Amino acid sequence: MIANKIDYYNVKKAALTLRALNHKLRQQLIKLIDEEQKLTVTEIYVRLRLEQSVASQHLAILRKAGIVSTQRDGKFIHYIINHKRIEEINKFVNELVA
């Protein structure tokens, strides 16, 4: 019998977060946003030559995982990297593979 019960809710949450990162296009989005520090969805889809709907879908996945967040500046919404969340994910992954 397992001494510690598995928290399946947190396992599922962790899997969704790692799945959000484990996608080539989302990795490109993260890299681009990180390099530019903040970008609008229009700037992102033009730079990566994507359909607006595709960029928005992938940004929504990253936002749900807490990897990116948004800042409103008048009528513009800028996407920024949530560096605190990235550090948490890195720590978790390092502990997981250690």
C-alpha atoms as a PDB file:
ATOM      1  CA  MET A   1       0.000   0.000   0.000  1.00  0.00           C
ATOM      2  CA  ILE A   2       1.223   3.501  -0.842  1.00  0.00           C
ATOM      3  CA  ALA A   3       2.130   5.508   2.269  1.00  0.00           C
ATOM      4  CA  ASN A   4       1.271   8.860   0.683  1.00  0.00           C
ATOM      5  CA  LYS A   5      -1.889   9.303  -1.313  1.00  0.00           C
ATOM      6  CA  ILE A   6      -1.472  10.728  -4.804  1.00  0.00           C
ATOM      7  CA  ASP A   7      -3.122  14.100  -5.318  1.00  0.00           C
ATOM      8  CA  TYR A   8      -4.639  13.410  -8.728  1.00  0.00           C
ATOM      9  CA  TYR A   9      -5.920  16.967  -9.115  1.00  0.00           C
ATOM     10  CA  ASN A  10      -2.394  18.365  -8.811  1.00  0.00           C
ATOM     11  CA  VAL A  11      -0.967  15.617 -11.018  1.00  0.00           C
ATOM     12  CA  LYS A  12      -3.500  16.527 -13.718  1.00  0.00           C
ATOM     13  CA  LYS A  13      -2.681  20.233 -13.316  1.00  0.00           C
ATOM     14  CA  ALA A  14       1.051  19.506 -13.597  1.00  0.00           C
ATOM     15  CA  ALA A  15       0.479  17.380 -16.709  1.00  0.00           C
ATOM     16  CA  LEU A  16      -1.514  20.185 -18.357  1.00  0.00           C
ATOM     17  CA  THR A  17       1.256  22.672 -17.562  1.00  0.00           C
ATOM     18  CA  LEU A  18       3.980  20.413 -18.965  1.00  0.00           C
ATOM     19  CA  ARG A  19       1.839  19.645 -22.016  1.00  0.00           C
ATOM     20  CA  ALA A  20       1.464  23.395 -22.598  1.00  0.00           C
ATOM     21  CA  LEU A  21       5.261  23.681 -22.705  1.00  0.00           C
ATOM     22  CA  ASN A  22       5.797  20.544 -24.786  1.00  0.00           C
ATOM     23  CA  HIS A  23       4.739  22.061 -28.117  1.00  0.00           C
ATOM     24  CA  LYS A  24       7.091  23.544 -30.696  1.00  0.00           C
ATOM     25  CA  LEU A  25       4.861  26.514 -31.616  1.00  0.00           C
ATOM     26  CA  ARG A  26       4.182  27.400 -27.979  1.00  0.00           C
ATOM     27  CA  GLN A  27       7.927  27.232 -27.309  1.00  0.00           C
ATOM     28  CA  GLN A  28       8.428  29.695 -30.190  1.00  0.00           C
ATOM     29  CA  LEU A  29       5.758  31.969 -28.687  1.00  0.00           C
ATOM     30  CA  ILE A  30       7.451  31.896 -25.284  1.00  0.00           C
ATOM     31  CA  LYS A  31      10.872  32.614 -26.815  1.00  0.00           C
ATOM     32  CA  LEU A  32       9.540  35.531 -28.887  1.00  0.00           C
ATOM     33  CA  ILE A  33       7.644  37.092 -25.977  1.00  0.00           C
ATOM     34  CA  ASP A  34      10.644  36.650 -23.695  1.00  0.00           C
ATOM     35  CA  GLU A  35      12.996  38.304 -26.222  1.00  0.00           C
ATOM     36  CA  GLU A  36      10.673  41.265 -26.806  1.00  0.00           C
ATOM     37  CA  GLN A  37       9.479  41.423 -23.162  1.00  0.00           C
ATOM     38  CA  LYS A  38       5.886  42.208 -24.179  1.00  0.00           C
ATOM     39  CA  LEU A  39       3.886  41.803 -27.371  1.00  0.00           C
ATOM     40  CA  THR A  40       0.298  42.114 -28.571  1.00  0.00           C
ATOM     41  CA  VAL A  41      -1.387  39.162 -30.266  1.00  0.00           C
ATOM     42  CA  THR A  42      -1.191  41.079 -33.562  1.00  0.00           C
ATOM     43  CA  GLU A  43       2.570  41.541 -33.215  1.00  0.00           C
ATOM     44  CA  ILE A  44       2.909  37.852 -32.376  1.00  0.00           C
ATOM     45  CA  TYR A  45       0.929  36.437 -35.286  1.00  0.00           C
ATOM     46  CA  VAL A  46       2.556  38.808 -37.800  1.00  0.00           C
ATOM     47  CA  ARG A  47       6.073  37.961 -36.574  1.00  0.00           C
ATOM     48  CA  LEU A  48       5.454  34.200 -36.581  1.00  0.00           C
ATOM     49  CA  ARG A  49       3.354  34.277 -39.784  1.00  0.00           C
ATOM     50  CA  LEU A  50       0.370  32.596 -38.135  1.00  0.00           C
ATOM     51  CA  GLU A  51      -3.370  32.913 -38.446  1.00  0.00           C
ATOM     52  CA  GLN A  52      -4.693  35.163 -35.685  1.00  0.00           C
ATOM     53  CA  SER A  53      -6.953  32.373 -34.401  1.00  0.00           C
ATOM     54  CA  VAL A  54      -4.021  29.938 -34.134  1.00  0.00           C
ATOM     55  CA  ALA A  55      -1.912  32.439 -32.190  1.00  0.00           C
ATOM     56  CA  SER A  56      -4.840  33.222 -29.879  1.00  0.00           C
ATOM     57  CA  GLN A  57      -5.555  29.543 -29.218  1.00  0.00           C
ATOM     58  CA  HIS A  58      -1.963  28.802 -28.233  1.00  0.00           C
ATOM     59  CA  LEU A  59      -1.690  31.964 -26.124  1.00  0.00           C
ATOM     60  CA  ALA A  60      -4.849  30.905 -24.282  1.00  0.00           C
ATOM     61  CA  ILE A  61      -3.246  27.535 -23.449  1.00  0.00           C
ATOM     62  CA  LEU A  62      -0.114  29.275 -22.161  1.00  0.00           C
ATOM     63  CA  ARG A  63      -2.211  31.751 -20.174  1.00  0.00           C
ATOM     64  CA  LYS A  64      -4.289  28.957 -18.605  1.00  0.00           C
ATOM     65  CA  ALA A  65      -1.043  27.238 -17.543  1.00  0.00           C
ATOM     66  CA  GLY A  66       0.154  30.518 -16.016  1.00  0.00           C
ATOM     67  CA  ILE A  67       3.172  30.700 -18.306  1.00  0.00           C
ATOM     68  CA  VAL A  68       2.153  34.013 -19.853  1.00  0.00           C
ATOM     69  CA  SER A  69       0.001  36.777 -18.468  1.00  0.00           C
ATOM     70  CA  THR A  70      -1.574  39.874 -19.949  1.00  0.00           C
ATOM     71  CA  GLN A  71      -1.242  43.589 -19.297  1.00  0.00           C
ATOM     72  CA  ARG A  72      -3.778  46.070 -20.612  1.00  0.00           C
ATOM     73  CA  ASP A  73      -2.415  49.306 -22.065  1.00  0.00           C
ATOM     74  CA  GLY A  74      -5.382  51.326 -23.285  1.00  0.00           C
ATOM     75  CA  LYS A  75      -7.005  49.295 -26.049  1.00  0.00           C
ATOM     76  CA  PHE A  76      -3.978  46.993 -26.378  1.00  0.00           C
ATOM     77  CA  ILE A  77      -3.421  43.774 -24.463  1.00  0.00           C
ATOM     78  CA  HIS A  78       0.225  42.796 -24.165  1.00  0.00           C
ATOM     79  CA  TYR A  79       1.419  39.288 -23.404  1.00  0.00           C
ATOM     80  CA  ILE A  80       4.330  38.933 -20.989  1.00  0.00           C
ATOM     81  CA  ILE A  81       6.209  35.945 -19.584  1.00  0.00           C
ATOM     82  CA  ASN A  82       5.364  34.990 -16.011  1.00  0.00           C
ATOM     83  CA  HIS A  83       8.957  34.439 -14.870  1.00  0.00           C
ATOM     84  CA  LYS A  84       7.891  33.376 -11.367  1.00  0.00           C
ATOM     85  CA  ARG A  85       5.806  30.571 -12.882  1.00  0.00           C
ATOM     86  CA  ILE A  86       8.688  29.512 -15.158  1.00  0.00           C
ATOM     87  CA  GLU A  87      10.957  29.276 -12.090  1.00  0.00           C
ATOM     88  CA  GLU A  88       8.350  27.136 -10.294  1.00  0.00           C
ATOM     89  CA  ILE A  89       8.069  24.817 -13.301  1.00  0.00           C
ATOM     90  CA  ASN A  90      11.866  24.530 -13.605  1.00  0.00           C
ATOM     91  CA  LYS A  91      12.147  23.686  -9.898  1.00  0.00           C
ATOM     92  CA  PHE A  92       9.390  21.086 -10.175  1.00  0.00           C
ATOM     93  CA  VAL A  93      10.935  19.450 -13.256  1.00  0.00           C
ATOM     94  CA  ASN A  94      14.400  19.393 -11.671  1.00  0.00           C
ATOM     95  CA  GLU A  95      12.971  17.663  -8.580  1.00  0.00           C
ATOM     96  CA  LEU A  96      11.003  15.266 -10.760  1.00  0.00           C
ATOM     97  CA  VAL A  97      13.995  14.085 -12.788  1.00  0.00           C
ATOM     98  CA  ALA A  98      16.520  14.127  -9.924  1.00  0.00           C
END
